[in-house]
Amino acid sequence: MGRAWYWLALVPLVLGASRALMKYMWWAAMHSSLYGLPAEARRLREADANADFNWWMLMGLAVTATIIAAMLIPPFQSPSLPPSVKGISRFVLAGVLVVGLIFLASVVMSATGFFMR
């Protein structure tokens, strides 16, 4: 599979993860606002289930995007570093890249009102 296909796979994963982050934050806020109100027990359970689902959706998409981003980062050519350090540093760099892209996409979605549609 060519590198361009990995980039094409990474974009929807990051956009989906940022959408899941926005939905998770919405349902988590709903859960915290309803907590302790006996009359809202049904809505509290619904908010809890939705927040939990979106959290695991976010984690699944973010981990998948991190693995793909780690494959996109070229191997480091330092002869003095052991291969395990090179591999771990690629994975950490990919994780930082994906987290940053998810937050950036979430901010753009929030600022443009895309999440509200």
Protein backbone atom coordinates (compact mmCIF):
# COMPACT_ATOMS: atom_id res chain seq x y z
CA MET A 1 0.00 0.00 0.00
CA GLY A 2 1.45 3.37 -1.00
CA ARG A 3 2.08 6.26 1.36
CA ALA A 4 -0.68 8.33 -0.24
CA TRP A 5 -3.25 5.73 0.81
CA TYR A 6 -2.05 5.97 4.40
CA TRP A 7 -2.56 9.74 4.31
CA LEU A 8 -6.02 9.23 2.85
CA ALA A 9 -6.80 6.82 5.69
CA LEU A 10 -5.39 9.15 8.35
CA VAL A 11 -7.58 12.16 7.50
CA PRO A 12 -11.00 10.52 8.12
CA LEU A 13 -9.68 8.82 11.25
CA VAL A 14 -8.59 12.16 12.71
CA LEU A 15 -11.83 13.88 11.69
CA GLY A 16 -13.89 11.05 13.15
CA ALA A 17 -11.88 11.12 16.38
CA SER A 18 -12.32 14.87 16.71
CA ARG A 19 -16.07 14.46 16.16
CA ALA A 20 -16.11 11.73 18.83
CA LEU A 21 -14.20 14.05 21.18
CA MET A 22 -16.76 16.81 20.67
CA LYS A 23 -19.66 14.40 21.27
CA TYR A 24 -17.92 12.92 24.32
CA MET A 25 -17.43 16.37 25.83
CA TRP A 26 -21.11 17.19 25.16
CA TRP A 27 -22.42 14.02 26.80
CA ALA A 28 -19.96 14.23 29.69
CA ALA A 29 -21.17 17.78 30.41
CA MET A 30 -24.76 16.56 30.18
CA HIS A 31 -23.96 13.74 32.61
CA SER A 32 -22.38 16.09 35.14
CA SER A 33 -25.29 18.53 34.95
CA LEU A 34 -27.87 15.79 35.57
CA TYR A 35 -25.97 13.99 38.32
CA GLY A 36 -27.83 14.04 41.64
CA LEU A 37 -31.26 14.89 40.23
CA PRO A 38 -33.57 11.94 40.94
CA ALA A 39 -36.18 13.10 38.44
CA GLU A 40 -33.60 12.94 35.63
CA ALA A 41 -32.41 9.35 36.24
CA ARG A 42 -33.40 8.16 32.76
CA ARG A 43 -31.61 11.00 31.02
CA LEU A 44 -28.60 10.47 33.30
CA ARG A 45 -28.35 6.82 32.19
CA GLU A 46 -28.69 7.89 28.55
CA ALA A 47 -25.98 10.53 28.92
CA ASP A 48 -23.73 8.04 30.68
CA ALA A 49 -24.14 5.45 27.92
CA ASN A 50 -23.58 8.02 25.16
CA ALA A 51 -20.50 9.48 26.86
CA ASP A 52 -19.07 6.00 27.36
CA PHE A 53 -19.69 5.03 23.72
CA ASN A 54 -18.08 8.21 22.38
CA TRP A 55 -15.08 7.80 24.71
CA TRP A 56 -14.33 4.32 23.35
CA MET A 57 -14.97 5.50 19.80
CA LEU A 58 -12.44 8.30 20.36
CA MET A 59 -9.88 5.87 21.80
CA GLY A 60 -10.30 3.36 18.96
CA LEU A 61 -10.00 5.96 16.22
CA ALA A 62 -7.06 7.70 17.92
CA VAL A 63 -5.10 4.46 18.39
CA THR A 64 -5.74 3.45 14.78
CA ALA A 65 -4.66 6.90 13.56
CA THR A 66 -1.52 6.71 15.72
CA ILE A 67 -0.55 3.36 14.21
CA ILE A 68 -1.04 4.70 10.68
CA ALA A 69 0.88 7.89 11.50
CA ALA A 70 3.74 5.81 12.91
CA MET A 71 3.89 3.96 9.58
CA LEU A 72 4.00 7.29 7.74
CA ILE A 73 6.97 8.65 9.72
CA PRO A 74 10.17 7.51 7.98
CA PRO A 75 12.63 5.44 10.05
CA PHE A 76 15.30 7.42 11.86
CA GLN A 77 18.81 7.01 10.42
CA SER A 78 20.87 7.52 13.59
CA PRO A 79 23.49 4.75 13.87
CA SER A 80 24.09 5.43 17.57
CA LEU A 81 20.51 4.77 18.73
CA PRO A 82 19.29 1.21 19.23
CA PRO A 83 16.37 0.10 17.04
CA SER A 84 13.98 -0.10 20.00
CA VAL A 85 14.53 3.57 20.85
CA LYS A 86 13.99 4.51 17.21
CA GLY A 87 10.70 2.59 17.07
CA ILE A 88 9.40 3.93 20.38
CA SER A 89 10.32 7.49 19.42
CA ARG A 90 8.46 7.11 16.09
CA PHE A 91 5.37 5.87 17.96
CA VAL A 92 5.55 8.71 20.53
CA LEU A 93 6.02 11.28 17.76
CA ALA A 94 3.02 9.80 15.91
CA GLY A 95 0.94 9.97 19.11
CA VAL A 96 1.81 13.62 19.65
CA LEU A 97 1.00 14.36 16.01
CA VAL A 98 -2.39 12.62 16.16
CA VAL A 99 -3.41 14.22 19.47
CA GLY A 100 -2.48 17.64 18.11
CA LEU A 101 -4.42 17.06 14.90
CA ILE A 102 -7.48 15.84 16.82
CA PHE A 103 -7.47 18.93 19.03
CA LEU A 104 -6.89 21.22 16.05
CA ALA A 105 -9.76 19.64 14.11
CA SER A 106 -12.00 19.88 17.20
CA VAL A 107 -11.24 23.57 17.58
CA VAL A 108 -11.97 24.19 13.88
CA MET A 109 -15.23 22.20 14.10
CA SER A 110 -16.25 24.13 17.18
CA ALA A 111 -15.34 27.52 15.73
CA THR A 112 -17.14 26.93 12.44
CA GLY A 113 -20.20 25.41 14.07
CA PHE A 114 -19.79 22.18 12.10
CA PHE A 115 -20.48 20.14 15.24
CA MET A 116 -23.91 21.74 15.67
CA ARG A 117 -25.21 20.40 12.32
